[in-house]
Protein backbone atom coordinates (compact mmCIF):
# COMPACT_ATOMS: atom_id res chain seq x y z
CA MET A 1 -5.52 10.86 56.65
CA THR A 2 -4.15 14.37 56.29
CA SER A 3 -4.41 16.25 53.04
CA THR A 4 -0.63 16.04 52.58
CA ASP A 5 -0.77 12.21 52.69
CA SER A 6 -3.77 11.91 50.35
CA PRO A 7 -3.43 10.79 46.71
CA VAL A 8 -6.26 13.25 45.91
CA ARG A 9 -4.94 16.61 44.75
CA LEU A 10 -7.36 19.47 44.08
CA HIS A 11 -6.49 22.88 42.68
CA ALA A 12 -8.72 25.93 42.78
CA VAL A 13 -8.76 27.58 39.35
CA ASP A 14 -10.12 30.87 38.10
CA ALA A 15 -12.22 29.64 35.17
CA PRO A 16 -15.78 29.87 33.83
CA GLY A 17 -18.13 27.54 35.69
CA GLN A 18 -15.77 27.19 38.65
CA PRO A 19 -16.30 28.71 42.12
CA ASP A 20 -14.43 31.86 43.08
CA VAL A 21 -10.93 31.18 44.37
CA THR A 22 -11.05 32.15 48.05
CA PRO A 23 -9.40 31.00 51.29
CA ALA A 24 -12.67 29.24 52.15
CA LEU A 25 -12.56 27.25 48.90
CA GLU A 26 -8.92 26.27 49.52
CA GLU A 27 -9.87 25.07 53.00
CA LEU A 28 -12.79 23.09 51.57
CA TYR A 29 -10.50 21.40 49.03
CA ARG A 30 -8.00 20.40 51.74
CA GLY A 31 -10.90 18.83 53.63
CA PHE A 32 -11.91 16.90 50.52
CA GLU A 33 -8.34 15.66 50.10
CA SER A 34 -8.07 14.39 53.67
CA GLU A 35 -11.35 12.47 53.34
CA LEU A 36 -10.52 11.12 49.84
CA LEU A 37 -13.31 13.00 48.09
CA VAL A 38 -13.36 14.51 44.60
CA PRO A 39 -16.04 17.05 43.61
CA LEU A 40 -17.59 16.52 40.18
CA TRP A 41 -17.23 20.17 39.19
CA THR A 42 -13.43 19.78 39.00
CA GLU A 43 -13.57 16.60 36.89
CA ILE A 44 -16.65 16.75 34.66
CA GLY A 45 -14.71 17.64 31.50
CA ASP A 46 -12.59 14.51 31.88
CA LEU A 47 -15.23 12.12 33.26
CA MET A 48 -18.06 13.23 30.98
CA PRO A 49 -16.60 14.45 27.67
CA ALA A 50 -18.82 15.38 24.73
CA HIS A 51 -17.72 12.22 22.91
CA PRO A 52 -15.42 9.22 23.61
CA ARG A 53 -11.74 10.05 23.94
CA SER A 54 -9.89 6.75 23.74
CA ARG A 55 -6.69 6.18 25.66
CA ALA A 56 -5.53 4.09 22.68
CA VAL A 57 -4.15 5.67 19.52
CA PRO A 58 -4.14 4.45 15.91
CA HIS A 59 -1.08 2.32 15.21
CA LEU A 60 0.22 -0.05 12.52
CA TRP A 61 2.37 -3.15 12.96
CA LYS A 62 4.06 -4.53 9.82
CA TRP A 63 3.71 -8.29 9.44
CA GLU A 64 7.21 -8.77 8.06
CA ASN A 65 8.68 -7.27 11.23
CA LEU A 66 6.44 -9.36 13.50
CA VAL A 67 7.38 -12.59 11.73
CA ARG A 68 11.08 -11.76 11.76
CA LEU A 69 11.05 -11.20 15.53
CA ALA A 70 8.84 -14.26 16.11
CA GLU A 71 11.36 -16.36 14.16
CA GLN A 72 14.15 -15.11 16.43
CA ALA A 73 12.05 -15.92 19.49
CA GLY A 74 11.44 -19.41 18.09
CA GLU A 75 15.18 -20.08 18.16
CA ILE A 76 15.83 -18.93 21.72
CA VAL A 77 12.56 -18.98 23.73
CA PRO A 78 11.19 -22.41 24.72
CA VAL A 79 7.50 -23.29 24.91
CA GLY A 80 6.51 -24.90 28.18
CA ARG A 81 5.26 -24.27 31.67
CA GLY A 82 5.86 -20.74 32.81
CA GLY A 83 5.60 -18.90 29.52
CA GLU A 84 2.96 -21.36 28.22
CA ARG A 85 2.85 -19.83 24.75
CA ARG A 86 5.33 -18.17 22.42
CA ALA A 87 2.88 -15.31 21.95
CA ILE A 88 4.11 -11.76 21.32
CA ALA A 89 1.46 -9.15 22.02
CA LEU A 90 0.84 -5.82 20.32
CA ALA A 91 1.37 -2.93 22.76
CA ASN A 92 -0.52 0.23 21.88
CA PRO A 93 1.97 3.12 22.23
CA SER A 94 -0.34 5.17 24.47
CA LEU A 95 -1.20 2.45 27.02
CA GLY A 96 1.91 2.68 29.15
CA GLY A 97 3.74 -0.33 27.78
CA ARG A 98 1.01 -2.78 28.73
CA PRO A 99 0.57 -5.68 26.25
CA PHE A 100 -2.82 -4.33 25.16
CA ALA A 101 -3.75 -3.42 21.58
CA THR A 102 -6.70 -1.40 22.92
CA PRO A 103 -8.15 -0.90 26.42
CA THR A 104 -10.30 -4.03 25.90
CA LEU A 105 -8.52 -6.16 23.26
CA TRP A 106 -5.37 -8.29 23.15
CA ALA A 107 -3.77 -9.23 19.83
CA ALA A 108 -0.60 -11.26 19.43
CA ILE A 109 1.42 -13.26 16.94
CA GLN A 110 1.94 -16.82 18.15
CA TYR A 111 4.78 -18.93 16.77
CA LEU A 112 5.22 -22.70 17.04
CA MET A 113 8.33 -24.55 15.90
CA PRO A 114 8.26 -27.93 14.08
CA GLY A 115 7.12 -30.76 16.33
CA GLU A 116 6.45 -28.45 19.27
CA ASP A 117 3.53 -28.70 21.66
CA ALA A 118 2.09 -25.72 23.50
CA PRO A 119 0.90 -27.28 26.80
CA GLU A 120 -2.72 -27.54 27.82
CA HIS A 121 -4.37 -24.88 29.96
CA ARG A 122 -7.63 -23.02 30.29
CA HIS A 123 -8.66 -19.50 31.22
CA THR A 124 -11.79 -17.42 31.49
CA GLN A 125 -10.58 -15.09 28.76
CA HIS A 126 -12.38 -15.71 25.47
CA ALA A 127 -10.01 -16.30 22.57
CA PHE A 128 -9.66 -17.07 18.89
CA ARG A 129 -6.98 -17.87 16.34
CA PHE A 130 -6.84 -16.54 12.79
CA VAL A 131 -4.40 -17.89 10.21
CA VAL A 132 -3.02 -15.47 7.62
CA GLU A 133 -0.49 -17.93 6.19
CA GLY A 134 0.70 -21.51 6.60
CA SER A 135 -0.84 -24.80 7.75
CA GLY A 136 0.06 -27.88 9.74
CA VAL A 137 -0.73 -26.81 13.30
CA TRP A 138 -3.54 -28.43 15.24
CA THR A 139 -5.33 -26.86 18.16
CA VAL A 140 -6.84 -29.40 20.54
CA VAL A 141 -9.90 -28.02 22.36
CA GLY A 142 -11.50 -30.29 24.91
CA GLY A 143 -9.82 -33.27 23.24
CA ASP A 144 -11.11 -32.31 19.77
CA ALA A 145 -8.25 -31.87 17.26
CA VAL A 146 -8.94 -28.96 14.89
CA SER A 147 -6.73 -28.18 11.90
CA MET A 148 -5.45 -24.66 11.27
CA ASN A 149 -4.95 -23.50 7.67
CA ARG A 150 -4.71 -20.20 5.82
CA GLY A 151 -7.88 -18.17 6.17
CA ASP A 152 -9.38 -20.34 8.91
CA PHE A 153 -10.98 -18.63 11.92
CA LEU A 154 -10.99 -20.69 15.13
CA PRO A 155 -12.96 -19.32 18.10
CA GLN A 156 -12.64 -20.75 21.59
CA ALA A 157 -14.85 -19.60 24.45
CA GLY A 158 -13.38 -19.17 27.89
CA TRP A 159 -12.71 -22.02 30.34
CA ASN A 160 -12.12 -24.67 27.68
CA TRP A 161 -9.02 -26.85 27.90
CA HIS A 162 -6.79 -26.27 24.87
CA ALA A 163 -3.32 -27.07 23.56
CA HIS A 164 -1.50 -26.70 20.23
CA HIS A 165 0.66 -29.09 18.23
CA ASN A 166 2.80 -28.48 15.16
CA ALA A 167 2.76 -31.74 13.20
CA THR A 168 4.96 -30.49 10.34
CA ASP A 169 8.65 -29.86 9.74
CA LYS A 170 8.11 -26.10 9.36
CA PRO A 171 7.34 -23.36 11.87
CA MET A 172 3.95 -21.66 11.77
CA ALA A 173 2.64 -18.28 12.91
CA TRP A 174 -0.89 -17.02 13.42
CA ILE A 175 -2.65 -14.27 15.37
CA ASP A 176 -4.41 -14.67 18.70
CA GLY A 177 -7.23 -12.40 19.81
CA LEU A 178 -8.42 -12.34 23.42
CA ASP A 179 -10.37 -10.11 25.78
CA ILE A 180 -7.52 -10.09 28.32
CA PRO A 181 -7.57 -6.30 28.90
CA PHE A 182 -11.34 -6.29 29.48
CA GLN A 183 -11.20 -9.11 32.02
CA TYR A 184 -8.11 -7.54 33.60
CA LEU A 185 -9.99 -4.24 33.99
CA THR A 186 -13.07 -5.92 35.48
CA GLU A 187 -10.95 -8.19 37.73
CA ALA A 188 -12.84 -11.27 36.56
CA GLN A 189 -10.09 -13.56 35.25
CA PHE A 190 -9.18 -17.14 36.23
CA PHE A 191 -6.46 -19.46 34.89
CA GLU A 192 -5.64 -23.15 35.39
CA PHE A 193 -2.84 -25.44 34.15
CA GLY A 194 -3.81 -28.65 32.36
CA ARG A 195 -1.81 -31.64 31.18
CA ASP A 196 1.80 -31.22 30.17
CA GLU A 197 1.29 -33.43 27.11
CA ILE A 198 -1.63 -34.30 24.87
CA SER A 199 -2.43 -37.94 24.14
CA ASP A 200 -1.50 -39.86 21.00
CA ALA A 201 -5.19 -40.01 20.07
CA GLU A 202 -5.33 -36.20 20.09
CA ARG A 203 -2.40 -36.05 17.68
CA ILE A 204 -4.49 -37.73 15.00
CA THR A 205 -5.26 -35.22 12.27
CA PRO A 206 -8.77 -35.87 10.95
CA GLU A 207 -10.04 -34.05 7.90
CA ARG A 208 -12.78 -32.48 10.02
CA SER A 209 -13.01 -32.05 13.77
CA ARG A 210 -15.97 -33.39 15.75
CA SER A 211 -17.25 -29.83 16.13
CA GLU A 212 -17.28 -29.36 12.35
CA ARG A 213 -19.02 -32.68 11.74
CA LEU A 214 -21.73 -31.74 14.24
CA TRP A 215 -22.12 -28.00 13.67
CA GLY A 216 -20.58 -27.19 10.28
CA HIS A 217 -23.71 -27.60 8.13
CA PRO A 218 -25.25 -24.26 7.03
CA GLY A 219 -28.71 -23.67 8.42
CA LEU A 220 -28.85 -27.01 10.23
CA ARG A 221 -28.76 -27.39 14.00
CA PRO A 222 -28.39 -30.83 15.60
CA LEU A 223 -31.38 -31.74 17.78
CA SER A 224 -29.00 -33.37 20.23
CA ALA A 225 -27.71 -29.89 21.20
CA THR A 226 -29.72 -28.67 24.17
CA GLN A 227 -27.25 -26.90 26.44
CA VAL A 228 -26.38 -23.31 25.54
CA ALA A 229 -22.67 -22.74 26.18
CA PRO A 230 -20.94 -19.36 26.16
CA GLY A 231 -19.51 -19.05 22.69
CA SER A 232 -19.80 -20.94 19.44
CA PRO A 233 -19.70 -24.76 19.50
CA LEU A 234 -18.18 -24.68 16.00
CA LEU A 235 -14.42 -24.58 16.48
CA SER A 236 -13.38 -23.85 12.90
CA TYR A 237 -14.82 -21.54 10.25
CA LYS A 238 -13.10 -22.69 7.07
CA TRP A 239 -11.73 -20.22 4.56
CA GLU A 240 -13.42 -21.86 1.60
CA PHE A 241 -16.85 -20.93 2.97
CA THR A 242 -15.84 -17.37 3.92
CA ASP A 243 -14.32 -16.81 0.48
CA ARG A 244 -17.38 -18.21 -1.30
CA ALA A 245 -19.76 -15.97 0.67
CA LEU A 246 -17.76 -12.86 -0.22
CA ARG A 247 -17.48 -13.83 -3.89
CA ASP A 248 -21.23 -14.46 -4.06
CA GLN A 249 -22.03 -11.05 -2.53
CA LEU A 250 -19.94 -9.26 -5.12
CA ALA A 251 -21.40 -11.36 -7.94
CA ILE A 252 -24.95 -10.54 -6.83
CA GLU A 253 -24.02 -6.86 -6.68
CA ALA A 254 -22.63 -7.05 -10.22
CA GLU A 255 -25.93 -8.54 -11.38
CA GLY A 256 -27.73 -5.48 -10.03
CA TYR A 257 -29.35 -7.02 -6.94
CA GLY A 258 -27.35 -5.45 -4.12
CA GLY A 259 -25.96 -7.84 -1.53
CA THR A 260 -23.01 -5.72 -0.36
CA VAL A 261 -22.79 -3.20 2.50
CA GLU A 262 -21.73 -0.48 0.04
CA PRO A 263 -20.53 -0.51 -3.59
CA GLY A 264 -17.57 -2.84 -3.99
CA HIS A 265 -17.53 -3.76 -0.29
CA ALA A 266 -18.62 -7.27 0.70
CA ALA A 267 -18.61 -8.29 4.36
CA VAL A 268 -19.62 -11.18 6.59
CA ARG A 269 -19.84 -11.74 10.33
CA TYR A 270 -18.85 -15.01 11.97
CA THR A 271 -21.84 -16.21 14.00
CA ASN A 272 -22.70 -18.86 16.55
CA PRO A 273 -24.75 -21.60 14.79
CA HIS A 274 -26.51 -22.37 18.05
CA THR A 275 -27.80 -18.86 18.78
CA GLY A 276 -27.22 -16.80 15.63
CA GLY A 277 -25.32 -14.27 17.77
CA ASP A 278 -21.66 -13.43 17.99
CA VAL A 279 -19.19 -16.31 18.21
CA LEU A 280 -17.83 -15.06 21.55
CA PRO A 281 -19.57 -13.13 24.35
CA THR A 282 -17.11 -10.23 24.37
CA MET A 283 -15.75 -10.09 20.81
CA ARG A 284 -17.21 -9.68 17.33
CA THR A 285 -15.36 -10.99 14.29
CA GLU A 286 -15.89 -10.07 10.65
CA PHE A 287 -14.29 -10.39 7.24
CA HIS A 288 -14.35 -7.59 4.67
CA ARG A 289 -13.50 -7.66 0.96
CA ILE A 290 -13.02 -4.37 -0.92
CA VAL A 291 -12.62 -4.53 -4.69
CA ARG A 292 -9.83 -2.66 -6.44
CA GLY A 293 -10.55 1.08 -6.61
CA ALA A 294 -13.41 0.98 -4.09
CA GLU A 295 -13.23 3.10 -0.95
CA THR A 296 -15.31 2.59 2.19
CA ALA A 297 -17.22 5.45 3.77
CA PRO A 298 -15.59 6.80 6.95
CA VAL A 299 -17.25 5.29 10.02
CA LYS A 300 -16.98 6.01 13.74
CA GLU A 301 -18.11 3.48 16.35
CA THR A 302 -18.01 3.18 20.10
CA GLY A 303 -15.63 0.40 21.04
CA SER A 304 -12.31 -0.49 19.47
CA SER A 305 -11.18 -2.87 16.73
CA VAL A 306 -8.07 -4.61 15.45
CA TYR A 307 -7.72 -5.35 11.74
CA GLN A 308 -5.38 -7.72 9.91
CA VAL A 309 -4.81 -7.54 6.17
CA PHE A 310 -5.44 -11.06 4.94
CA ASP A 311 -4.63 -10.35 1.31
CA GLY A 312 -4.05 -7.55 -1.14
CA SER A 313 -2.90 -3.99 -0.62
CA GLY A 314 -4.39 -0.57 -0.13
CA THR A 315 -4.47 2.50 2.06
CA VAL A 316 -6.27 2.76 5.38
CA THR A 317 -7.05 5.96 7.25
CA VAL A 318 -7.58 5.89 11.01
CA GLY A 319 -8.21 9.32 12.48
CA ASP A 320 -5.43 11.55 11.17
CA ARG A 321 -3.15 8.64 10.22
CA THR A 322 -2.97 7.07 6.74
CA TRP A 323 -0.92 3.97 5.96
CA THR A 324 -0.20 1.75 2.99
CA VAL A 325 -0.89 -1.85 4.05
CA THR A 326 -0.09 -5.28 2.63
CA ARG A 327 -0.66 -8.92 3.58
CA GLY A 328 -0.42 -9.63 7.30
CA ASP A 329 -0.20 -6.04 8.56
CA LEU A 330 -2.19 -5.26 11.70
CA PHE A 331 -3.63 -1.94 12.80
CA VAL A 332 -5.80 -0.55 15.59
CA VAL A 333 -8.95 1.58 15.33
CA PRO A 334 -9.67 3.18 18.74
CA SER A 335 -13.16 4.02 19.95
CA TRP A 336 -14.97 6.78 18.04
CA THR A 337 -12.06 7.24 15.63
CA PRO A 338 -13.00 7.56 11.92
CA PHE A 339 -11.88 4.63 9.76
CA SER A 340 -11.92 4.13 6.00
CA ALA A 341 -10.06 1.90 3.55
CA LYS A 342 -9.28 2.09 -0.16
CA SER A 343 -8.34 -1.00 -2.14
CA GLU A 344 -5.35 -0.92 -4.45
CA ALA A 345 -5.18 -4.71 -4.75
CA GLY A 346 -4.91 -6.68 -7.95
CA MET A 347 -4.36 -10.23 -9.11
CA THR A 348 -0.60 -9.84 -8.59
CA ASP A 349 -0.85 -9.35 -4.83
CA SER A 350 -4.19 -10.91 -3.92
CA ASP A 351 -5.78 -14.27 -4.59
CA SER A 352 -9.18 -12.58 -4.74
CA GLY A 353 -7.97 -9.50 -6.61
CA ALA A 354 -9.29 -7.40 -3.72
CA LEU A 355 -8.23 -6.00 -0.35
CA ASP A 356 -9.26 -8.59 2.24
CA LEU A 357 -9.49 -7.51 5.89
CA PHE A 358 -10.12 -9.61 9.00
CA ARG A 359 -11.56 -7.58 11.87
CA PHE A 360 -12.29 -8.20 15.53
CA GLY A 361 -13.70 -5.81 18.10
CA ASP A 362 -15.51 -5.45 21.40
CA ALA A 363 -18.97 -4.58 20.04
CA PRO A 364 -20.87 -7.30 22.00
CA VAL A 365 -19.86 -5.65 25.29
CA PHE A 366 -21.10 -2.25 24.17
CA GLU A 367 -24.34 -3.68 22.78
CA ALA A 368 -25.03 -5.62 25.98
CA LEU A 369 -24.67 -2.37 27.94
CA GLN A 370 -26.61 -0.39 25.30
CA LEU A 371 -23.61 1.89 24.77
CA ASN A 372 -23.19 1.10 21.07
CA ARG A 373 -23.30 4.00 18.62
CA MET A 374 -22.22 4.38 15.00
CA GLU A 375 -21.83 7.34 12.66
CA ILE A 376 -21.16 6.97 8.93
CA SER A 377 -20.02 9.86 6.75
CA ARG A 378 -21.42 9.56 3.23
């Protein structure tokens, strides 16, 4: 390959730390180009910066706009083979129009019309569903029908057959979170179609799924469970338990015994009852409750996160951007970008009287590679 045909382009520059610009250096660079070589001394500032410089930028999506567009899609876009899901992904404005919220995370609003089925399939991408409003949809994972209601968190590890069914006469929307960008980047993804229709038996709507009956008992692990699968065997984390845990933390704090991560800020992490670790191998999920008037300390972390406002209102600051947020709004916190939140919620706009935030991020990947780092400004 000649240097003129090469995608490598090198430019000699007169700058500190760079070699003198001479005809010999220009000849050397043309030789590098023809052999597809790039010297580190021309790239070190980009490849090895002093701290992470994310390709993603902070951004906010308003829930009312997402729902309005999803409703329009519900009227004109069918659910079936080909599209598979009526899922509308968040596209970070700095990622070239790709349907990626961050370089590693996918977030989307999914919308299912009354009586509709989203056909069965499976994929290696790990996924979850989180419901900010509504009820009546059932997700069927491996033949186990699991109800979806406001505040419920439903994880689903990769390579599990799954379908969705709306058993009501009203449409329903929720958010999906997946590690699609991460698996796309690592070229590790697989996908397979399943049945076009679920069975009548799978349309039965039990009060609790089999996974909940087996795994949904705090502190108790069934002795029949011997095989360790990737991801949590519990397919639904019910809102009533999340809400109770957060209320109890704040009550204990009020009694003078601590229990919160900082004053007025209660938080829980969804965990795998089999291992005690994260619910999914590549994603961490949490729920945060910030009482009215409380403000969290700015924190920077390696890895990125997506937040959804579950309830209440307040202001959030991500880097140099500050937004007022209300129920359903979603926003992105890129890697090593300072984040803080202040609650302005009350009993008129929040069931809990606080700002409630659902969060998911890619922390398990960074921890597995020992690349995790956090910095809190007090």
